[in-house]
Each structure stands twice: as C-alpha cells, then as structure tokens.
Amino acid sequence: AKTVEEFRKLVDDKENDRFVAPSATEEPAAAAPKADHIQILAVT
C-alpha cells in the first residue's frame, strides 16, 4: 500500500468480505468432506 487511505480501505474491504487480490485467480474448490462427523478437533 502506498498511502494510509489505501491501507485503511484494504482493511475495510477485507473485514467486509470485499477484498479481491490484485492477481486473483479462481481457486479450485475445496475437496468435499470425507466424513459425516468432525474429523479434526483443536484447542488453541
């Protein structure tokens, strides 16, 4: 980011799900879940 205004706009866009990467390409769809239960549990 070159300006403070651009930096803050990027933050606002990302927070509101409007951020698009400058060289965005369509990502492959995630593989379908392999089970009908939660496979990985974690605590952080």
All heavy atoms as atom14 arrays in JSON, in Angstrom:
{
  "sequence": "AKTVEEFRKLVDDKENDRFVAPSATEEPAAAAPKADHIQILAVT",
  "atom14_mask": [
    [1, 1, 1, 1, 1, 0, 0, 0, 0, 0, 0, 0, 0, 0],
    [1, 1, 1, 1, 1, 1, 1, 1, 1, 0, 0, 0, 0, 0],
    [1, 1, 1, 1, 1, 1, 1, 0, 0, 0, 0, 0, 0, 0],
    [1, 1, 1, 1, 1, 1, 1, 0, 0, 0, 0, 0, 0, 0],
    [1, 1, 1, 1, 1, 1, 1, 1, 1, 0, 0, 0, 0, 0],
    [1, 1, 1, 1, 1, 1, 1, 1, 1, 0, 0, 0, 0, 0],
    [1, 1, 1, 1, 1, 1, 1, 1, 1, 1, 1, 0, 0, 0],
    [1, 1, 1, 1, 1, 1, 1, 1, 1, 1, 1, 0, 0, 0],
    [1, 1, 1, 1, 1, 1, 1, 1, 1, 0, 0, 0, 0, 0],
    [1, 1, 1, 1, 1, 1, 1, 1, 0, 0, 0, 0, 0, 0],
    [1, 1, 1, 1, 1, 1, 1, 0, 0, 0, 0, 0, 0, 0],
    [1, 1, 1, 1, 1, 1, 1, 1, 0, 0, 0, 0, 0, 0],
    [1, 1, 1, 1, 1, 1, 1, 1, 0, 0, 0, 0, 0, 0],
    [1, 1, 1, 1, 1, 1, 1, 1, 1, 0, 0, 0, 0, 0],
    [1, 1, 1, 1, 1, 1, 1, 1, 1, 0, 0, 0, 0, 0],
    [1, 1, 1, 1, 1, 1, 1, 1, 0, 0, 0, 0, 0, 0],
    [1, 1, 1, 1, 1, 1, 1, 1, 0, 0, 0, 0, 0, 0],
    [1, 1, 1, 1, 1, 1, 1, 1, 1, 1, 1, 0, 0, 0],
    [1, 1, 1, 1, 1, 1, 1, 1, 1, 1, 1, 0, 0, 0],
    [1, 1, 1, 1, 1, 1, 1, 0, 0, 0, 0, 0, 0, 0],
    [1, 1, 1, 1, 1, 0, 0, 0, 0, 0, 0, 0, 0, 0],
    [1, 1, 1, 1, 1, 1, 1, 0, 0, 0, 0, 0, 0, 0],
    [1, 1, 1, 1, 1, 1, 0, 0, 0, 0, 0, 0, 0, 0],
    [1, 1, 1, 1, 1, 0, 0, 0, 0, 0, 0, 0, 0, 0],
    [1, 1, 1, 1, 1, 1, 1, 0, 0, 0, 0, 0, 0, 0],
    [1, 1, 1, 1, 1, 1, 1, 1, 1, 0, 0, 0, 0, 0],
    [1, 1, 1, 1, 1, 1, 1, 1, 1, 0, 0, 0, 0, 0],
    [1, 1, 1, 1, 1, 1, 1, 0, 0, 0, 0, 0, 0, 0],
    [1, 1, 1, 1, 1, 0, 0, 0, 0, 0, 0, 0, 0, 0],
    [1, 1, 1, 1, 1, 0, 0, 0, 0, 0, 0, 0, 0, 0],
    [1, 1, 1, 1, 1, 0, 0, 0, 0, 0, 0, 0, 0, 0],
    [1, 1, 1, 1, 1, 0, 0, 0, 0, 0, 0, 0, 0, 0],
    [1, 1, 1, 1, 1, 1, 1, 0, 0, 0, 0, 0, 0, 0],
    [1, 1, 1, 1, 1, 1, 1, 1, 1, 0, 0, 0, 0, 0],
    [1, 1, 1, 1, 1, 0, 0, 0, 0, 0, 0, 0, 0, 0],
    [1, 1, 1, 1, 1, 1, 1, 1, 0, 0, 0, 0, 0, 0],
    [1, 1, 1, 1, 1, 1, 1, 1, 1, 1, 0, 0, 0, 0],
    [1, 1, 1, 1, 1, 1, 1, 1, 0, 0, 0, 0, 0, 0],
    [1, 1, 1, 1, 1, 1, 1, 1, 1, 0, 0, 0, 0, 0],
    [1, 1, 1, 1, 1, 1, 1, 1, 0, 0, 0, 0, 0, 0],
    [1, 1, 1, 1, 1, 1, 1, 1, 0, 0, 0, 0, 0, 0],
    [1, 1, 1, 1, 1, 0, 0, 0, 0, 0, 0, 0, 0, 0],
    [1, 1, 1, 1, 1, 1, 1, 0, 0, 0, 0, 0, 0, 0],
    [1, 1, 1, 1, 1, 1, 1, 0, 0, 0, 0, 0, 0, 0]
  ],
  "atom14_positions": [
    [[0.84, -1.2, 0.0], [0.0, 0.0, 0.0], [0.88, 1.25, 0.0], [1.88, 1.33, 0.72], [-0.92, -0.01, 1.22], [0.0, 0.0, 0.0], [0.0, 0.0, 0.0], [0.0, 0.0, 0.0], [0.0, 0.0, 0.0], [0.0, 0.0, 0.0], [0.0, 0.0, 0.0], [0.0, 0.0, 0.0], [0.0, 0.0, 0.0], [0.0, 0.0, 0.0]],
    [[0.49, 2.24, -0.81], [1.29, 3.46, -0.96], [0.8, 4.61, -0.07], [1.57, 5.52, 0.22], [1.27, 3.92, -2.42], [1.78, 2.87, -3.41], [3.2, 2.43, -3.08], [3.71, 1.4, -4.1], [5.03, 0.84, -3.69], [0.0, 0.0, 0.0], [0.0, 0.0, 0.0], [0.0, 0.0, 0.0], [0.0, 0.0, 0.0], [0.0, 0.0, 0.0]],
    [[-0.45, 4.57, 0.31], [-0.99, 5.65, 1.13], [-1.76, 5.07, 2.31], [-2.21, 3.92, 2.27], [-1.95, 6.55, 0.32], [-3.11, 5.79, -0.05], [-1.27, 7.08, -0.94], [0.0, 0.0, 0.0], [0.0, 0.0, 0.0], [0.0, 0.0, 0.0], [0.0, 0.0, 0.0], [0.0, 0.0, 0.0], [0.0, 0.0, 0.0], [0.0, 0.0, 0.0]],
    [[-1.91, 5.9, 3.33], [-2.68, 5.49, 4.51], [-4.12, 5.21, 4.12], [-4.74, 4.25, 4.61], [-2.62, 6.58, 5.6], [-3.62, 6.29, 6.71], [-1.21, 6.66, 6.18], [0.0, 0.0, 0.0], [0.0, 0.0, 0.0], [0.0, 0.0, 0.0], [0.0, 0.0, 0.0], [0.0, 0.0, 0.0], [0.0, 0.0, 0.0], [0.0, 0.0, 0.0]],
    [[-4.68, 6.01, 3.22], [-6.06, 5.81, 2.77], [-6.22, 4.45, 2.09], [-7.2, 3.73, 2.31], [-6.48, 6.93, 1.82], [-6.61, 8.3, 2.47], [-5.26, 8.95, 2.77], [-4.23, 8.5, 2.2], [-5.23, 9.9, 3.57], [0.0, 0.0, 0.0], [0.0, 0.0, 0.0], [0.0, 0.0, 0.0], [0.0, 0.0, 0.0], [0.0, 0.0, 0.0]],
    [[-5.24, 4.08, 1.25], [-5.3, 2.78, 0.58], [-5.21, 1.65, 1.6], [-5.92, 0.65, 1.5], [-4.16, 2.67, -0.42], [-4.11, 1.34, -1.18], [-2.88, 1.18, -2.05], [-2.09, 2.14, -2.17], [-2.71, 0.08, -2.61], [0.0, 0.0, 0.0], [0.0, 0.0, 0.0], [0.0, 0.0, 0.0], [0.0, 0.0, 0.0], [0.0, 0.0, 0.0]],
    [[-4.34, 1.8, 2.58], [-4.16, 0.79, 3.62], [-5.46, 0.57, 4.38], [-5.91, -0.57, 4.57], [-3.06, 1.26, 4.59], [-2.58, 0.22, 5.55], [-1.45, -0.54, 5.28], [-3.23, 0.01, 6.76], [-0.99, -1.5, 6.18], [-2.79, -0.94, 7.67], [-1.66, -1.69, 7.38], [0.0, 0.0, 0.0], [0.0, 0.0, 0.0], [0.0, 0.0, 0.0]],
    [[-6.1, 1.67, 4.79], [-7.34, 1.56, 5.55], [-8.48, 0.98, 4.7], [-9.33, 0.24, 5.2], [-7.73, 2.93, 6.12], [-6.92, 3.31, 7.36], [-7.09, 4.77, 7.74], [-8.5, 5.11, 7.93], [-9.17, 4.93, 9.07], [-8.57, 4.37, 10.11], [-10.43, 5.3, 9.18], [0.0, 0.0, 0.0], [0.0, 0.0, 0.0], [0.0, 0.0, 0.0]],
    [[-8.48, 1.31, 3.41], [-9.52, 0.76, 2.53], [-9.36, -0.74, 2.38], [-10.34, -1.5, 2.36], [-9.48, 1.43, 1.16], [-10.62, 0.97, 0.23], [-10.59, 1.68, -1.1], [-11.82, 1.31, -1.94], [-11.97, -0.15, -2.14], [0.0, 0.0, 0.0], [0.0, 0.0, 0.0], [0.0, 0.0, 0.0], [0.0, 0.0, 0.0], [0.0, 0.0, 0.0]],
    [[-8.11, -1.21, 2.28], [-7.86, -2.65, 2.19], [-8.38, -3.36, 3.45], [-9.01, -4.42, 3.36], [-6.36, -2.91, 2.03], [-5.75, -2.6, 0.67], [-4.22, -2.61, 0.75], [-6.22, -3.63, -0.38], [0.0, 0.0, 0.0], [0.0, 0.0, 0.0], [0.0, 0.0, 0.0], [0.0, 0.0, 0.0], [0.0, 0.0, 0.0], [0.0, 0.0, 0.0]],
    [[-8.13, -2.75, 4.59], [-8.61, -3.33, 5.86], [-10.13, -3.38, 5.87], [-10.73, -4.4, 6.23], [-8.08, -2.52, 7.06], [-8.76, -2.97, 8.35], [-6.57, -2.67, 7.19], [0.0, 0.0, 0.0], [0.0, 0.0, 0.0], [0.0, 0.0, 0.0], [0.0, 0.0, 0.0], [0.0, 0.0, 0.0], [0.0, 0.0, 0.0], [0.0, 0.0, 0.0]],
    [[-10.76, -2.3, 5.46], [-12.22, -2.24, 5.44], [-12.8, -3.26, 4.46], [-13.78, -3.95, 4.76], [-12.68, -0.83, 5.05], [-14.19, -0.67, 5.1], [-14.76, -0.81, 6.19], [-14.8, -0.43, 4.04], [0.0, 0.0, 0.0], [0.0, 0.0, 0.0], [0.0, 0.0, 0.0], [0.0, 0.0, 0.0], [0.0, 0.0, 0.0], [0.0, 0.0, 0.0]],
    [[-12.19, -3.37, 3.28], [-12.68, -4.33, 2.28], [-12.55, -5.76, 2.78], [-13.47, -6.58, 2.61], [-11.9, -4.17, 0.96], [-12.29, -2.92, 0.2], [-13.32, -2.32, 0.53], [-11.56, -2.56, -0.75], [0.0, 0.0, 0.0], [0.0, 0.0, 0.0], [0.0, 0.0, 0.0], [0.0, 0.0, 0.0], [0.0, 0.0, 0.0], [0.0, 0.0, 0.0]],
    [[-11.42, -6.07, 3.41], [-11.22, -7.43, 3.9], [-12.2, -7.75, 5.03], [-12.78, -8.85, 5.07], [-9.78, -7.58, 4.42], [-9.44, -8.97, 4.95], [-9.48, -10.01, 3.86], [-9.0, -11.36, 4.38], [-9.11, -12.43, 3.37], [0.0, 0.0, 0.0], [0.0, 0.0, 0.0], [0.0, 0.0, 0.0], [0.0, 0.0, 0.0], [0.0, 0.0, 0.0]],
    [[-12.42, -6.79, 5.91], [-13.32, -7.02, 7.04], [-14.75, -7.25, 6.56], [-15.51, -7.98, 7.19], [-13.27, -5.84, 8.0], [-14.06, -6.05, 9.27], [-13.89, -4.93, 10.27], [-13.33, -3.88, 9.92], [-14.32, -5.11, 11.43], [0.0, 0.0, 0.0], [0.0, 0.0, 0.0], [0.0, 0.0, 0.0], [0.0, 0.0, 0.0], [0.0, 0.0, 0.0]],
    [[-15.11, -6.63, 5.44], [-16.47, -6.73, 4.92], [-16.58, -7.65, 3.7], [-17.52, -7.53, 2.91], [-17.0, -5.33, 4.58], [-17.21, -4.49, 5.83], [-18.15, -4.7, 6.58], [-16.31, -3.52, 6.06], [0.0, 0.0, 0.0], [0.0, 0.0, 0.0], [0.0, 0.0, 0.0], [0.0, 0.0, 0.0], [0.0, 0.0, 0.0], [0.0, 0.0, 0.0]],
    [[-15.59, -8.54, 3.56], [-15.61, -9.57, 2.5], [-15.66, -8.98, 1.1], [-16.24, -9.57, 0.18], [-16.79, -10.53, 2.7], [-16.7, -11.29, 4.02], [-15.58, -11.69, 4.39], [-17.74, -11.45, 4.68], [0.0, 0.0, 0.0], [0.0, 0.0, 0.0], [0.0, 0.0, 0.0], [0.0, 0.0, 0.0], [0.0, 0.0, 0.0], [0.0, 0.0, 0.0]],
    [[-15.03, -7.8, 0.9], [-14.97, -7.21, -0.44], [-13.57, -7.27, -1.03], [-13.37, -6.86, -2.17], [-15.42, -5.74, -0.38], [-16.87, -5.53, 0.01], [-17.29, -4.08, -0.22], [-16.48, -3.15, 0.54], [-16.81, -2.66, 1.72], [-17.97, -3.01, 2.3], [-16.02, -1.81, 2.35], [0.0, 0.0, 0.0], [0.0, 0.0, 0.0], [0.0, 0.0, 0.0]],
    [[-12.61, -7.77, -0.27], [-11.23, -7.77, -0.74], [-11.04, -8.77, -1.87], [-11.45, -9.93, -1.77], [-10.27, -8.11, 0.4], [-8.85, -8.31, -0.04], [-8.06, -7.22, -0.39], [-8.31, -9.58, -0.14], [-6.75, -7.41, -0.82], [-7.0, -9.78, -0.56], [-6.21, -8.68, -0.9], [0.0, 0.0, 0.0], [0.0, 0.0, 0.0], [0.0, 0.0, 0.0]],
    [[-10.42, -8.3, -2.95], [-10.07, -9.16, -4.08], [-8.58, -8.99, -4.34], [-8.1, -7.86, -4.53], [-10.87, -8.79, -5.34], [-10.45, -9.69, -6.5], [-12.37, -8.91, -5.08], [0.0, 0.0, 0.0], [0.0, 0.0, 0.0], [0.0, 0.0, 0.0], [0.0, 0.0, 0.0], [0.0, 0.0, 0.0], [0.0, 0.0, 0.0], [0.0, 0.0, 0.0]],
    [[-7.83, -10.07, -4.35], [-6.39, -9.99, -4.58], [-6.12, -9.4, -5.96], [-6.84, -9.7, -6.92], [-5.76, -11.38, -4.47], [0.0, 0.0, 0.0], [0.0, 0.0, 0.0], [0.0, 0.0, 0.0], [0.0, 0.0, 0.0], [0.0, 0.0, 0.0], [0.0, 0.0, 0.0], [0.0, 0.0, 0.0], [0.0, 0.0, 0.0], [0.0, 0.0, 0.0]],
    [[-5.09, -8.54, -6.11], [-4.81, -7.91, -7.39], [-4.65, -8.9, -8.54], [-5.06, -8.63, -9.67], [-3.48, -7.17, -7.13], [-3.5, -6.92, -5.66], [-4.19, -8.1, -5.05], [0.0, 0.0, 0.0], [0.0, 0.0, 0.0], [0.0, 0.0, 0.0], [0.0, 0.0, 0.0], [0.0, 0.0, 0.0], [0.0, 0.0, 0.0], [0.0, 0.0, 0.0]],
    [[-4.08, -10.05, -8.27], [-3.89, -11.06, -9.33], [-4.72, -12.3, -9.03], [-4.26, -13.42, -9.19], [-2.41, -11.43, -9.44], [-1.93, -11.91, -8.19], [0.0, 0.0, 0.0], [0.0, 0.0, 0.0], [0.0, 0.0, 0.0], [0.0, 0.0, 0.0], [0.0, 0.0, 0.0], [0.0, 0.0, 0.0], [0.0, 0.0, 0.0], [0.0, 0.0, 0.0]],
    [[-5.93, -12.05, -8.55], [-6.78, -13.17, -8.13], [-7.08, -14.11, -9.28], [-7.42, -13.7, -10.38], [-8.07, -12.64, -7.55], [0.0, 0.0, 0.0], [0.0, 0.0, 0.0], [0.0, 0.0, 0.0], [0.0, 0.0, 0.0], [0.0, 0.0, 0.0], [0.0, 0.0, 0.0], [0.0, 0.0, 0.0], [0.0, 0.0, 0.0], [0.0, 0.0, 0.0]],
    [[-6.92, -15.37, -9.03], [-7.32, -16.4, -9.98], [-8.3, -17.31, -9.26], [-8.26, -17.43, -8.04], [-6.11, -17.22, -10.47], [-5.45, -17.78, -9.33], [-5.13, -16.33, -11.24], [0.0, 0.0, 0.0], [0.0, 0.0, 0.0], [0.0, 0.0, 0.0], [0.0, 0.0, 0.0], [0.0, 0.0, 0.0], [0.0, 0.0, 0.0], [0.0, 0.0, 0.0]],
    [[-9.12, -17.93, -10.01], [-10.14, -18.77, -9.39], [-9.5, -19.98, -8.75], [-8.81, -20.77, -9.41], [-11.15, -19.22, -10.45], [-12.45, -19.72, -9.83], [-13.55, -19.84, -10.86], [-13.71, -18.91, -11.67], [-14.21, -20.87, -10.86], [0.0, 0.0, 0.0], [0.0, 0.0, 0.0], [0.0, 0.0, 0.0], [0.0, 0.0, 0.0], [0.0, 0.0, 0.0]],
    [[-9.68, -20.11, -7.45], [-9.08, -21.23, -6.73], [-9.92, -22.48, -6.92], [-11.14, -22.42, -7.01], [-8.99, -20.9, -5.24], [-8.04, -19.76, -4.93], [-7.88, -19.57, -3.44], [-8.49, -20.36, -2.68], [-7.15, -18.65, -3.05], [0.0, 0.0, 0.0], [0.0, 0.0, 0.0], [0.0, 0.0, 0.0], [0.0, 0.0, 0.0], [0.0, 0.0, 0.0]],
    [[-9.25, -23.63, -6.96], [-10.01, -24.87, -7.07], [-10.88, -25.07, -5.84], [-10.49, -24.69, -4.73], [-8.92, -25.95, -7.15], [-7.69, -25.31, -6.56], [-7.8, -23.85, -6.9], [0.0, 0.0, 0.0], [0.0, 0.0, 0.0], [0.0, 0.0, 0.0], [0.0, 0.0, 0.0], [0.0, 0.0, 0.0], [0.0, 0.0, 0.0], [0.0, 0.0, 0.0]],
    [[-12.05, -25.62, -6.05], [-12.96, -25.84, -4.93], [-12.35, -26.83, -3.96], [-11.66, -27.77, -4.34], [-14.29, -26.38, -5.45], [0.0, 0.0, 0.0], [0.0, 0.0, 0.0], [0.0, 0.0, 0.0], [0.0, 0.0, 0.0], [0.0, 0.0, 0.0], [0.0, 0.0, 0.0], [0.0, 0.0, 0.0], [0.0, 0.0, 0.0], [0.0, 0.0, 0.0]],
    [[-12.58, -26.58, -2.68], [-12.07, -27.49, -1.65], [-12.72, -28.85, -1.81], [-13.87, -28.97, -2.23], [-12.36, -26.92, -0.27], [0.0, 0.0, 0.0], [0.0, 0.0, 0.0], [0.0, 0.0, 0.0], [0.0, 0.0, 0.0], [0.0, 0.0, 0.0], [0.0, 0.0, 0.0], [0.0, 0.0, 0.0], [0.0, 0.0, 0.0], [0.0, 0.0, 0.0]],
    [[-11.95, -29.87, -1.48], [-12.49, -31.22, -1.58], [-13.66, -31.38, -0.63], [-13.72, -30.76, 0.42], [-11.39, -32.23, -1.22], [0.0, 0.0, 0.0], [0.0, 0.0, 0.0], [0.0, 0.0, 0.0], [0.0, 0.0, 0.0], [0.0, 0.0, 0.0], [0.0, 0.0, 0.0], [0.0, 0.0, 0.0], [0.0, 0.0, 0.0], [0.0, 0.0, 0.0]],
    [[-14.6, -32.21, -1.03], [-15.77, -32.44, -0.18], [-15.33, -33.16, 1.09], [-14.42, -33.99, 1.07], [-16.8, -33.28, -0.92], [0.0, 0.0, 0.0], [0.0, 0.0, 0.0], [0.0, 0.0, 0.0], [0.0, 0.0, 0.0], [0.0, 0.0, 0.0], [0.0, 0.0, 0.0], [0.0, 0.0, 0.0], [0.0, 0.0, 0.0], [0.0, 0.0, 0.0]],
    [[-15.93, -32.82, 2.24], [-15.59, -33.52, 3.48], [-15.72, -35.03, 3.33], [-16.61, -35.53, 2.65], [-16.62, -32.97, 4.47], [-16.98, -31.62, 3.93], [-16.94, -31.79, 2.43], [0.0, 0.0, 0.0], [0.0, 0.0, 0.0], [0.0, 0.0, 0.0], [0.0, 0.0, 0.0], [0.0, 0.0, 0.0], [0.0, 0.0, 0.0], [0.0, 0.0, 0.0]],
    [[-14.81, -35.75, 3.98], [-14.74, -37.2, 3.81], [-15.55, -37.96, 4.87], [-15.56, -39.18, 4.88], [-13.28, -37.65, 3.88], [-12.4, -37.01, 2.82], [-10.94, -37.37, 3.03], [-10.04, -36.68, 2.02], [-8.61, -36.97, 2.27], [0.0, 0.0, 0.0], [0.0, 0.0, 0.0], [0.0, 0.0, 0.0], [0.0, 0.0, 0.0], [0.0, 0.0, 0.0]],
    [[-16.18, -37.25, 5.77], [-16.92, -37.95, 6.83], [-18.09, -37.1, 7.28], [-18.16, -35.91, 7.0], [-15.99, -38.25, 8.01], [0.0, 0.0, 0.0], [0.0, 0.0, 0.0], [0.0, 0.0, 0.0], [0.0, 0.0, 0.0], [0.0, 0.0, 0.0], [0.0, 0.0, 0.0], [0.0, 0.0, 0.0], [0.0, 0.0, 0.0], [0.0, 0.0, 0.0]],
    [[-19.03, -37.74, 7.98], [-20.21, -37.01, 8.45], [-20.04, -36.53, 9.89], [-21.0, -36.13, 10.53], [-21.45, -37.9, 8.34], [-21.31, -39.19, 9.14], [-20.24, -39.4, 9.74], [-22.27, -39.98, 9.15], [0.0, 0.0, 0.0], [0.0, 0.0, 0.0], [0.0, 0.0, 0.0], [0.0, 0.0, 0.0], [0.0, 0.0, 0.0], [0.0, 0.0, 0.0]],
    [[-18.8, -36.58, 10.39], [-18.53, -36.07, 11.73], [-17.33, -35.14, 11.64], [-16.66, -35.04, 10.61], [-18.22, -37.23, 12.69], [-16.98, -38.0, 12.32], [-16.97, -38.94, 11.32], [-15.71, -37.94, 12.79], [-15.76, -39.46, 11.2], [-14.97, -38.86, 12.07], [0.0, 0.0, 0.0], [0.0, 0.0, 0.0], [0.0, 0.0, 0.0], [0.0, 0.0, 0.0]],
    [[-17.06, -34.42, 12.72], [-15.91, -33.52, 12.75], [-14.65, -34.37, 12.91], [-14.47, -35.06, 13.91], [-16.04, -32.5, 13.89], [-17.29, -31.64, 13.68], [-14.8, -31.62, 13.97], [-17.6, -30.7, 14.82], [0.0, 0.0, 0.0], [0.0, 0.0, 0.0], [0.0, 0.0, 0.0], [0.0, 0.0, 0.0], [0.0, 0.0, 0.0], [0.0, 0.0, 0.0]],
    [[-13.78, -34.3, 11.9], [-12.61, -35.18, 11.89], [-11.44, -34.64, 12.71], [-10.71, -35.4, 13.34], [-12.16, -35.41, 10.44], [-13.19, -36.18, 9.62], [-13.01, -35.94, 8.13], [-13.32, -34.88, 7.62], [-12.5, -36.94, 7.44], [0.0, 0.0, 0.0], [0.0, 0.0, 0.0], [0.0, 0.0, 0.0], [0.0, 0.0, 0.0], [0.0, 0.0, 0.0]],
    [[-11.23, -33.33, 12.65], [-10.12, -32.71, 13.38], [-10.67, -31.75, 14.44], [-11.46, -30.86, 14.12], [-9.19, -31.94, 12.43], [-8.44, -32.91, 11.51], [-8.19, -31.09, 13.22], [-7.4, -33.76, 12.22], [0.0, 0.0, 0.0], [0.0, 0.0, 0.0], [0.0, 0.0, 0.0], [0.0, 0.0, 0.0], [0.0, 0.0, 0.0], [0.0, 0.0, 0.0]],
    [[-10.26, -31.96, 15.67], [-10.59, -31.04, 16.76], [-9.28, -30.4, 17.24], [-8.23, -31.04, 17.22], [-11.25, -31.77, 17.93], [-12.58, -32.46, 17.66], [-13.06, -33.14, 18.95], [-13.62, -31.48, 17.17], [0.0, 0.0, 0.0], [0.0, 0.0, 0.0], [0.0, 0.0, 0.0], [0.0, 0.0, 0.0], [0.0, 0.0, 0.0], [0.0, 0.0, 0.0]],
    [[-9.38, -29.15, 17.66], [-8.17, -28.48, 18.16], [-8.56, -27.51, 19.27], [-9.68, -27.03, 19.35], [-7.47, -27.73, 17.03], [0.0, 0.0, 0.0], [0.0, 0.0, 0.0], [0.0, 0.0, 0.0], [0.0, 0.0, 0.0], [0.0, 0.0, 0.0], [0.0, 0.0, 0.0], [0.0, 0.0, 0.0], [0.0, 0.0, 0.0], [0.0, 0.0, 0.0]],
    [[-7.57, -27.24, 20.13], [-7.69, -26.21, 21.16], [-6.47, -25.32, 21.02], [-5.34, -25.81, 20.91], [-7.7, -26.83, 22.57], [-7.79, -25.72, 23.63], [-8.85, -27.8, 22.73], [0.0, 0.0, 0.0], [0.0, 0.0, 0.0], [0.0, 0.0, 0.0], [0.0, 0.0, 0.0], [0.0, 0.0, 0.0], [0.0, 0.0, 0.0], [0.0, 0.0, 0.0]],
    [[-6.69, -24.0, 20.97], [-5.57, -23.06, 20.89], [-5.65, -22.09, 22.06], [-6.74, -21.67, 22.45], [-5.56, -22.28, 19.57], [-6.75, -21.49, 19.44], [-5.47, -23.23, 18.39], [0.0, 0.0, 0.0], [0.0, 0.0, 0.0], [0.0, 0.0, 0.0], [0.0, 0.0, 0.0], [0.0, 0.0, 0.0], [0.0, 0.0, 0.0], [0.0, 0.0, 0.0]]
  ]
}
